[in-house]
Amino acid sequence: MAFHIKRKLNKGEVFSELEVFNWFVQICLALEYVHGRRVIHRDIKTQNIFLTGNNTIKIGDFGISKVLETTCQNANTVVGTPYYMAPEACQSEPYTSKSDVWALGCILYELCSLKKPFEADNLLGLVFKIVTEKQQPISSALPYSKEIR
């Protein structure tokens, strides 16, 4: 997915809303499947979302995923890519599969705006933004409905 985002950015184009929703729903269903097996991926990011030739989404790189004993169990290890890291993980607090859902929201934002929702010059600045700030709204100049923005 990261490759496709970079290509659109370089061409000065954006994805259609239909493409974004199609991929978003597929990623949601894949995460539902993974979470249903009590697995937290912990590194959901555009580089780990793959698009096949027939427009099918695949989630990859389960290298740092965690299998939970129960669906109520929390994880404590700080892992993952900082741009997509949930606030609770940034603050070294216990987290659940909801952290993957946070990353999913970051991916949706990136698919629409072709940029990450939180950016900074260094790791500390990035963590501060994730924990304390709201991302900028998706520009109304982009061809997306109010609902997706």
N, C-alpha and C. Protein backbone atom coordinates (compact mmCIF):
# COMPACT_ATOMS: atom_id res chain seq x y z
N MET A 1 0.83 -1.18 0.00
CA MET A 1 0.00 0.00 0.00
C MET A 1 0.87 1.25 0.00
N ALA A 2 1.99 1.24 0.73
CA ALA A 2 2.88 2.40 0.79
C ALA A 2 3.37 2.77 -0.61
N PHE A 3 3.65 1.77 -1.42
CA PHE A 3 4.10 2.01 -2.80
C PHE A 3 3.04 2.77 -3.59
N HIS A 4 1.80 2.36 -3.46
CA HIS A 4 0.70 2.99 -4.20
C HIS A 4 0.45 4.42 -3.72
N ILE A 5 0.59 4.65 -2.42
CA ILE A 5 0.43 6.00 -1.87
C ILE A 5 1.53 6.91 -2.42
N LYS A 6 2.76 6.42 -2.40
CA LYS A 6 3.88 7.22 -2.90
C LYS A 6 3.70 7.52 -4.39
N ARG A 7 3.25 6.54 -5.15
CA ARG A 7 3.03 6.74 -6.59
C ARG A 7 1.97 7.81 -6.85
N LYS A 8 0.86 7.76 -6.11
CA LYS A 8 -0.19 8.78 -6.27
C LYS A 8 0.34 10.17 -5.90
N LEU A 9 1.09 10.23 -4.82
CA LEU A 9 1.66 11.50 -4.37
C LEU A 9 2.58 12.09 -5.44
N ASN A 10 3.44 11.24 -6.01
CA ASN A 10 4.36 11.71 -7.05
C ASN A 10 3.64 12.17 -8.31
N LYS A 11 2.50 11.57 -8.60
CA LYS A 11 1.72 11.95 -9.78
C LYS A 11 0.80 13.13 -9.50
N GLY A 12 0.68 13.53 -8.24
CA GLY A 12 -0.23 14.61 -7.88
C GLY A 12 -1.69 14.20 -7.98
N GLU A 13 -1.94 12.92 -7.78
CA GLU A 13 -3.31 12.37 -7.85
C GLU A 13 -3.72 11.88 -6.47
N VAL A 14 -4.99 11.55 -6.33
CA VAL A 14 -5.50 10.92 -5.10
C VAL A 14 -6.30 9.68 -5.48
N PHE A 15 -6.53 8.83 -4.51
CA PHE A 15 -7.37 7.66 -4.73
C PHE A 15 -8.83 8.09 -4.78
N SER A 16 -9.63 7.34 -5.50
CA SER A 16 -11.07 7.62 -5.49
C SER A 16 -11.64 7.19 -4.15
N GLU A 17 -12.77 7.77 -3.78
CA GLU A 17 -13.41 7.40 -2.53
C GLU A 17 -13.81 5.92 -2.56
N LEU A 18 -14.22 5.43 -3.71
CA LEU A 18 -14.59 4.02 -3.85
C LEU A 18 -13.39 3.12 -3.58
N GLU A 19 -12.22 3.47 -4.12
CA GLU A 19 -11.01 2.69 -3.85
C GLU A 19 -10.69 2.69 -2.37
N VAL A 20 -10.72 3.86 -1.77
CA VAL A 20 -10.40 3.99 -0.34
C VAL A 20 -11.34 3.12 0.50
N PHE A 21 -12.64 3.23 0.25
CA PHE A 21 -13.60 2.43 1.03
C PHE A 21 -13.44 0.94 0.78
N ASN A 22 -13.20 0.55 -0.45
CA ASN A 22 -13.00 -0.86 -0.77
C ASN A 22 -11.83 -1.42 0.03
N TRP A 23 -10.70 -0.73 0.00
CA TRP A 23 -9.53 -1.20 0.73
C TRP A 23 -9.74 -1.13 2.23
N PHE A 24 -10.36 -0.06 2.70
CA PHE A 24 -10.60 0.11 4.12
C PHE A 24 -11.46 -1.04 4.67
N VAL A 25 -12.52 -1.38 3.96
CA VAL A 25 -13.39 -2.48 4.40
C VAL A 25 -12.62 -3.80 4.42
N GLN A 26 -11.80 -4.02 3.41
CA GLN A 26 -11.01 -5.26 3.39
C GLN A 26 -10.04 -5.33 4.57
N ILE A 27 -9.40 -4.21 4.88
CA ILE A 27 -8.48 -4.18 6.02
C ILE A 27 -9.24 -4.41 7.32
N CYS A 28 -10.42 -3.80 7.45
CA CYS A 28 -11.27 -4.01 8.63
C CYS A 28 -11.63 -5.48 8.80
N LEU A 29 -12.03 -6.11 7.71
CA LEU A 29 -12.41 -7.53 7.78
C LEU A 29 -11.20 -8.41 8.12
N ALA A 30 -10.04 -8.07 7.58
CA ALA A 30 -8.83 -8.83 7.90
C ALA A 30 -8.47 -8.68 9.37
N LEU A 31 -8.58 -7.46 9.88
CA LEU A 31 -8.30 -7.24 11.31
C LEU A 31 -9.32 -7.94 12.19
N GLU A 32 -10.58 -7.94 11.77
CA GLU A 32 -11.60 -8.66 12.53
C GLU A 32 -11.24 -10.14 12.61
N TYR A 33 -10.77 -10.70 11.53
CA TYR A 33 -10.36 -12.11 11.51
C TYR A 33 -9.19 -12.35 12.47
N VAL A 34 -8.18 -11.50 12.39
CA VAL A 34 -6.99 -11.64 13.24
C VAL A 34 -7.37 -11.47 14.71
N HIS A 35 -8.13 -10.43 15.01
CA HIS A 35 -8.52 -10.18 16.40
C HIS A 35 -9.44 -11.27 16.93
N GLY A 36 -10.23 -11.87 16.06
CA GLY A 36 -11.09 -12.97 16.45
C GLY A 36 -10.31 -14.20 16.91
N ARG A 37 -9.04 -14.25 16.54
CA ARG A 37 -8.16 -15.32 16.97
C ARG A 37 -7.24 -14.87 18.10
N ARG A 38 -7.65 -13.75 18.73
CA ARG A 38 -6.95 -13.18 19.89
C ARG A 38 -5.50 -12.79 19.57
N VAL A 39 -5.29 -12.26 18.38
CA VAL A 39 -3.96 -11.80 17.97
C VAL A 39 -4.00 -10.29 17.78
N ILE A 40 -3.04 -9.60 18.39
CA ILE A 40 -2.83 -8.19 18.13
C ILE A 40 -1.65 -8.10 17.16
N HIS A 41 -1.83 -7.45 16.04
CA HIS A 41 -0.77 -7.35 15.04
C HIS A 41 0.38 -6.49 15.55
N ARG A 42 0.08 -5.34 16.09
CA ARG A 42 1.01 -4.39 16.71
C ARG A 42 1.93 -3.65 15.74
N ASP A 43 1.77 -3.86 14.45
CA ASP A 43 2.56 -3.09 13.49
C ASP A 43 1.76 -2.87 12.20
N ILE A 44 0.49 -2.50 12.37
CA ILE A 44 -0.34 -2.17 11.22
C ILE A 44 0.15 -0.85 10.65
N LYS A 45 0.55 -0.86 9.41
CA LYS A 45 1.03 0.33 8.71
C LYS A 45 0.93 0.07 7.22
N THR A 46 1.04 1.13 6.45
CA THR A 46 0.87 0.98 4.99
C THR A 46 1.92 0.05 4.39
N GLN A 47 3.10 -0.04 4.97
CA GLN A 47 4.14 -0.93 4.46
C GLN A 47 3.80 -2.40 4.68
N ASN A 48 2.87 -2.68 5.60
CA ASN A 48 2.48 -4.07 5.89
C ASN A 48 1.10 -4.42 5.33
N ILE A 49 0.55 -3.52 4.51
CA ILE A 49 -0.72 -3.78 3.83
C ILE A 49 -0.37 -3.94 2.35
N PHE A 50 -0.71 -5.09 1.80
CA PHE A 50 -0.33 -5.39 0.42
C PHE A 50 -1.57 -5.48 -0.46
N LEU A 51 -1.43 -5.03 -1.69
CA LEU A 51 -2.51 -5.01 -2.66
C LEU A 51 -2.16 -5.96 -3.78
N THR A 52 -2.98 -6.98 -4.00
CA THR A 52 -2.72 -7.94 -5.07
C THR A 52 -3.17 -7.38 -6.41
N GLY A 53 -2.86 -8.09 -7.48
CA GLY A 53 -3.22 -7.66 -8.82
C GLY A 53 -4.71 -7.53 -9.05
N ASN A 54 -5.51 -8.29 -8.29
CA ASN A 54 -6.97 -8.20 -8.45
C ASN A 54 -7.62 -7.31 -7.38
N ASN A 55 -6.80 -6.39 -6.79
CA ASN A 55 -7.29 -5.38 -5.85
C ASN A 55 -7.72 -5.96 -4.50
N THR A 56 -7.11 -7.07 -4.13
CA THR A 56 -7.39 -7.70 -2.84
C THR A 56 -6.31 -7.29 -1.84
N ILE A 57 -6.73 -6.95 -0.65
CA ILE A 57 -5.82 -6.54 0.42
C ILE A 57 -5.34 -7.76 1.19
N LYS A 58 -4.06 -7.74 1.53
CA LYS A 58 -3.46 -8.76 2.40
C LYS A 58 -2.68 -8.03 3.48
N ILE A 59 -2.79 -8.50 4.71
CA ILE A 59 -2.00 -7.94 5.81
C ILE A 59 -0.81 -8.86 6.01
N GLY A 60 0.37 -8.27 6.11
CA GLY A 60 1.58 -9.06 6.29
C GLY A 60 2.37 -8.65 7.51
N ASP A 61 3.52 -9.29 7.67
CA ASP A 61 4.49 -9.04 8.72
C ASP A 61 3.90 -9.14 10.12
N PHE A 62 3.69 -10.37 10.53
CA PHE A 62 3.19 -10.64 11.88
C PHE A 62 4.35 -10.91 12.84
N GLY A 63 5.55 -10.40 12.50
CA GLY A 63 6.75 -10.66 13.29
C GLY A 63 6.69 -10.19 14.73
N ILE A 64 5.95 -9.12 15.02
CA ILE A 64 5.87 -8.64 16.40
C ILE A 64 4.45 -8.75 16.96
N SER A 65 3.64 -9.56 16.32
CA SER A 65 2.26 -9.73 16.81
C SER A 65 2.28 -10.48 18.14
N LYS A 66 1.17 -10.41 18.84
CA LYS A 66 1.06 -11.05 20.15
C LYS A 66 -0.25 -11.80 20.22
N VAL A 67 -0.16 -13.04 20.66
CA VAL A 67 -1.35 -13.85 20.89
C VAL A 67 -1.75 -13.67 22.35
N LEU A 68 -3.00 -13.29 22.58
CA LEU A 68 -3.49 -13.07 23.94
C LEU A 68 -4.18 -14.32 24.46
N GLU A 69 -4.09 -14.53 25.75
CA GLU A 69 -4.76 -15.66 26.39
C GLU A 69 -6.28 -15.50 26.33
N THR A 70 -6.74 -14.26 26.55
CA THR A 70 -8.17 -13.97 26.51
C THR A 70 -8.37 -12.69 25.73
N THR A 71 -9.59 -12.43 25.33
CA THR A 71 -9.86 -11.19 24.59
C THR A 71 -9.78 -9.97 25.49
N CYS A 72 -9.79 -10.16 26.82
CA CYS A 72 -9.73 -9.03 27.75
C CYS A 72 -8.30 -8.70 28.16
N GLN A 73 -7.35 -9.56 27.80
CA GLN A 73 -5.97 -9.36 28.20
C GLN A 73 -5.37 -8.13 27.52
N ASN A 74 -4.45 -7.48 28.22
CA ASN A 74 -3.73 -6.33 27.68
C ASN A 74 -2.30 -6.72 27.38
N ALA A 75 -1.66 -5.98 26.47
CA ALA A 75 -0.23 -6.13 26.20
C ALA A 75 0.48 -4.90 26.75
N ASN A 76 1.78 -5.04 27.06
CA ASN A 76 2.51 -3.93 27.67
C ASN A 76 3.74 -3.50 26.89
N THR A 77 4.26 -4.34 26.01
CA THR A 77 5.50 -4.04 25.32
C THR A 77 5.32 -2.91 24.32
N VAL A 78 6.28 -1.99 24.27
CA VAL A 78 6.21 -0.91 23.29
C VAL A 78 6.88 -1.40 22.01
N VAL A 79 6.05 -1.64 21.00
CA VAL A 79 6.54 -2.07 19.70
C VAL A 79 5.70 -1.40 18.63
N GLY A 80 6.18 -1.46 17.40
CA GLY A 80 5.41 -0.90 16.30
C GLY A 80 6.09 0.30 15.69
N THR A 81 5.51 0.79 14.63
CA THR A 81 6.05 1.93 13.92
C THR A 81 5.45 3.20 14.54
N PRO A 82 6.28 4.15 14.95
CA PRO A 82 5.78 5.30 15.70
C PRO A 82 4.65 6.08 15.02
N TYR A 83 4.66 6.24 13.70
CA TYR A 83 3.63 7.03 13.04
C TYR A 83 2.22 6.47 13.27
N TYR A 84 2.13 5.18 13.50
CA TYR A 84 0.84 4.51 13.62
C TYR A 84 0.56 4.05 15.05
N MET A 85 1.41 4.43 15.97
CA MET A 85 1.31 3.96 17.35
C MET A 85 0.20 4.67 18.11
N ALA A 86 -0.61 3.91 18.81
CA ALA A 86 -1.72 4.45 19.59
C ALA A 86 -1.18 5.21 20.80
N PRO A 87 -1.95 6.20 21.28
CA PRO A 87 -1.50 6.99 22.44
C PRO A 87 -1.14 6.13 23.65
N GLU A 88 -1.93 5.10 23.93
CA GLU A 88 -1.64 4.28 25.11
C GLU A 88 -0.30 3.55 24.97
N ALA A 89 0.05 3.14 23.77
CA ALA A 89 1.35 2.49 23.56
C ALA A 89 2.48 3.52 23.69
N CYS A 90 2.25 4.74 23.21
CA CYS A 90 3.25 5.82 23.35
C CYS A 90 3.52 6.14 24.80
N GLN A 91 2.53 5.96 25.65
CA GLN A 91 2.66 6.29 27.06
C GLN A 91 3.01 5.07 27.91
N SER A 92 3.42 3.99 27.26
CA SER A 92 3.81 2.74 27.93
C SER A 92 2.69 2.20 28.82
N GLU A 93 1.45 2.42 28.41
CA GLU A 93 0.30 1.88 29.13
C GLU A 93 -0.13 0.58 28.46
N PRO A 94 -0.84 -0.28 29.18
CA PRO A 94 -1.36 -1.50 28.56
C PRO A 94 -2.28 -1.16 27.39
N TYR A 95 -2.28 -2.00 26.39
CA TYR A 95 -3.12 -1.77 25.23
C TYR A 95 -3.72 -3.09 24.76
N THR A 96 -4.74 -2.99 23.93
CA THR A 96 -5.45 -4.16 23.42
C THR A 96 -5.47 -4.08 21.90
N SER A 97 -6.33 -4.87 21.29
CA SER A 97 -6.46 -4.86 19.83
C SER A 97 -6.95 -3.50 19.32
N LYS A 98 -7.48 -2.68 20.22
CA LYS A 98 -7.92 -1.34 19.82
C LYS A 98 -6.75 -0.51 19.29
N SER A 99 -5.53 -0.85 19.69
CA SER A 99 -4.36 -0.15 19.16
C SER A 99 -4.20 -0.41 17.67
N ASP A 100 -4.56 -1.61 17.22
CA ASP A 100 -4.56 -1.91 15.78
C ASP A 100 -5.62 -1.08 15.07
N VAL A 101 -6.74 -0.85 15.74
CA VAL A 101 -7.82 -0.05 15.16
C VAL A 101 -7.36 1.40 15.03
N TRP A 102 -6.61 1.90 16.00
CA TRP A 102 -6.03 3.25 15.89
C TRP A 102 -5.17 3.33 14.62
N ALA A 103 -4.31 2.33 14.43
CA ALA A 103 -3.44 2.30 13.25
C ALA A 103 -4.27 2.24 11.97
N LEU A 104 -5.36 1.53 12.02
CA LEU A 104 -6.28 1.47 10.88
C LEU A 104 -6.80 2.86 10.54
N GLY A 105 -7.15 3.64 11.55
CA GLY A 105 -7.58 5.01 11.33
C GLY A 105 -6.48 5.86 10.71
N CYS A 106 -5.25 5.64 11.15
CA CYS A 106 -4.11 6.36 10.56
C CYS A 106 -3.95 5.99 9.09
N ILE A 107 -4.17 4.74 8.75
CA ILE A 107 -4.08 4.30 7.36
C ILE A 107 -5.18 4.93 6.52
N LEU A 108 -6.39 4.97 7.04
CA LEU A 108 -7.49 5.61 6.31
C LEU A 108 -7.16 7.06 6.03
N TYR A 109 -6.66 7.76 7.03
CA TYR A 109 -6.27 9.16 6.87
C TYR A 109 -5.21 9.29 5.77
N GLU A 110 -4.23 8.39 5.80
CA GLU A 110 -3.14 8.45 4.82
C GLU A 110 -3.62 8.11 3.41
N LEU A 111 -4.55 7.19 3.29
CA LEU A 111 -5.10 6.86 1.98
C LEU A 111 -5.81 8.07 1.37
N CYS A 112 -6.46 8.86 2.19
CA CYS A 112 -7.19 10.03 1.70
C CYS A 112 -6.28 11.23 1.46
N SER A 113 -5.39 11.50 2.37
CA SER A 113 -4.59 12.73 2.31
C SER A 113 -3.20 12.52 1.72
N LEU A 114 -2.80 11.26 1.59
CA LEU A 114 -1.46 10.88 1.11
C LEU A 114 -0.35 11.38 2.03
N LYS A 115 -0.71 11.60 3.31
CA LYS A 115 0.28 11.93 4.32
C LYS A 115 -0.17 11.32 5.65
N LYS A 116 0.78 11.16 6.53
CA LYS A 116 0.47 10.56 7.83
C LYS A 116 -0.27 11.58 8.70
N PRO A 117 -1.14 11.12 9.59
CA PRO A 117 -1.91 12.06 10.41
C PRO A 117 -1.07 12.83 11.42
N PHE A 118 0.03 12.25 11.86
CA PHE A 118 0.92 12.92 12.82
C PHE A 118 2.34 12.83 12.26
N GLU A 119 2.98 13.98 12.15
CA GLU A 119 4.36 14.01 11.66
C GLU A 119 5.16 14.99 12.52
N ALA A 120 6.43 14.66 12.71
CA ALA A 120 7.32 15.52 13.49
C ALA A 120 8.75 15.25 13.04
N ASP A 121 9.65 16.13 13.45
CA ASP A 121 11.05 16.01 13.06
C ASP A 121 11.81 14.96 13.87
N ASN A 122 11.25 14.57 15.01
CA ASN A 122 11.93 13.57 15.84
C ASN A 122 10.91 12.72 16.58
N LEU A 123 11.38 11.64 17.17
CA LEU A 123 10.50 10.69 17.85
C LEU A 123 9.77 11.32 19.02
N LEU A 124 10.44 12.10 19.81
CA LEU A 124 9.79 12.73 20.96
C LEU A 124 8.66 13.66 20.51
N GLY A 125 8.93 14.45 19.48
CA GLY A 125 7.90 15.34 18.94
C GLY A 125 6.72 14.58 18.39
N LEU A 126 6.99 13.45 17.74
CA LEU A 126 5.92 12.63 17.18
C LEU A 126 5.06 12.04 18.30
N VAL A 127 5.69 11.49 19.30
CA VAL A 127 4.95 10.91 20.43
C VAL A 127 4.11 12.00 21.11
N PHE A 128 4.67 13.18 21.29
CA PHE A 128 3.94 14.28 21.91
C PHE A 128 2.69 14.62 21.09
N LYS A 129 2.83 14.70 19.77
CA LYS A 129 1.68 15.01 18.92
C LYS A 129 0.61 13.92 19.00
N ILE A 130 1.02 12.66 18.98
CA ILE A 130 0.06 11.56 19.04
C ILE A 130 -0.73 11.61 20.35
N VAL A 131 -0.04 11.89 21.44
CA VAL A 131 -0.65 11.85 22.76
C VAL A 131 -1.50 13.10 23.05
N THR A 132 -1.11 14.26 22.50
CA THR A 132 -1.77 15.49 22.92
C THR A 132 -2.57 16.21 21.85
N GLU A 133 -2.33 15.94 20.58
CA GLU A 133 -2.96 16.73 19.54
C GLU A 133 -3.95 15.91 18.72
N LYS A 134 -4.82 16.60 18.02
CA LYS A 134 -5.69 15.99 17.03
C LYS A 134 -5.05 16.19 15.67
N GLN A 135 -5.26 15.23 14.79
CA GLN A 135 -4.70 15.40 13.44
C GLN A 135 -5.47 16.48 12.70
N GLN A 136 -4.84 17.05 11.71
CA GLN A 136 -5.51 18.04 10.88
C GLN A 136 -6.62 17.34 10.10
N PRO A 137 -7.77 17.97 9.93
CA PRO A 137 -8.83 17.36 9.13
C PRO A 137 -8.36 17.14 7.70
N ILE A 138 -8.93 16.16 7.06
CA ILE A 138 -8.64 15.94 5.64
C ILE A 138 -9.19 17.14 4.88
N SER A 139 -8.40 17.68 4.02
CA SER A 139 -8.74 18.90 3.31
C SER A 139 -10.05 18.77 2.54
N SER A 140 -10.88 19.79 2.65
CA SER A 140 -12.13 19.81 1.88
C SER A 140 -11.86 20.02 0.40
N ALA A 141 -10.63 20.37 0.03
CA ALA A 141 -10.26 20.51 -1.38
C ALA A 141 -10.11 19.14 -2.04
N LEU A 142 -9.97 18.10 -1.23
CA LEU A 142 -9.86 16.74 -1.79
C LEU A 142 -11.25 16.22 -2.11
N PRO A 143 -11.35 15.33 -3.09
CA PRO A 143 -12.67 14.89 -3.59
C PRO A 143 -13.35 13.82 -2.75
N TYR A 144 -13.45 14.06 -1.44
CA TYR A 144 -14.05 13.07 -0.55
C TYR A 144 -15.29 13.65 0.11
N SER A 145 -16.21 12.76 0.42
CA SER A 145 -17.44 13.17 1.07
C SER A 145 -17.14 13.69 2.49
N LYS A 146 -18.10 14.40 3.03
CA LYS A 146 -18.00 14.92 4.39
C LYS A 146 -17.80 13.76 5.37
N GLU A 147 -18.47 12.66 5.11
CA GLU A 147 -18.42 11.51 6.02
C GLU A 147 -17.00 10.94 6.14
N ILE A 148 -16.31 10.83 5.03
CA ILE A 148 -14.96 10.26 5.09
C ILE A 148 -13.97 11.26 5.67
N ARG A 149 -14.19 12.54 5.40
CA ARG A 149 -13.31 13.56 5.97
C ARG A 149 -13.51 13.64 7.46
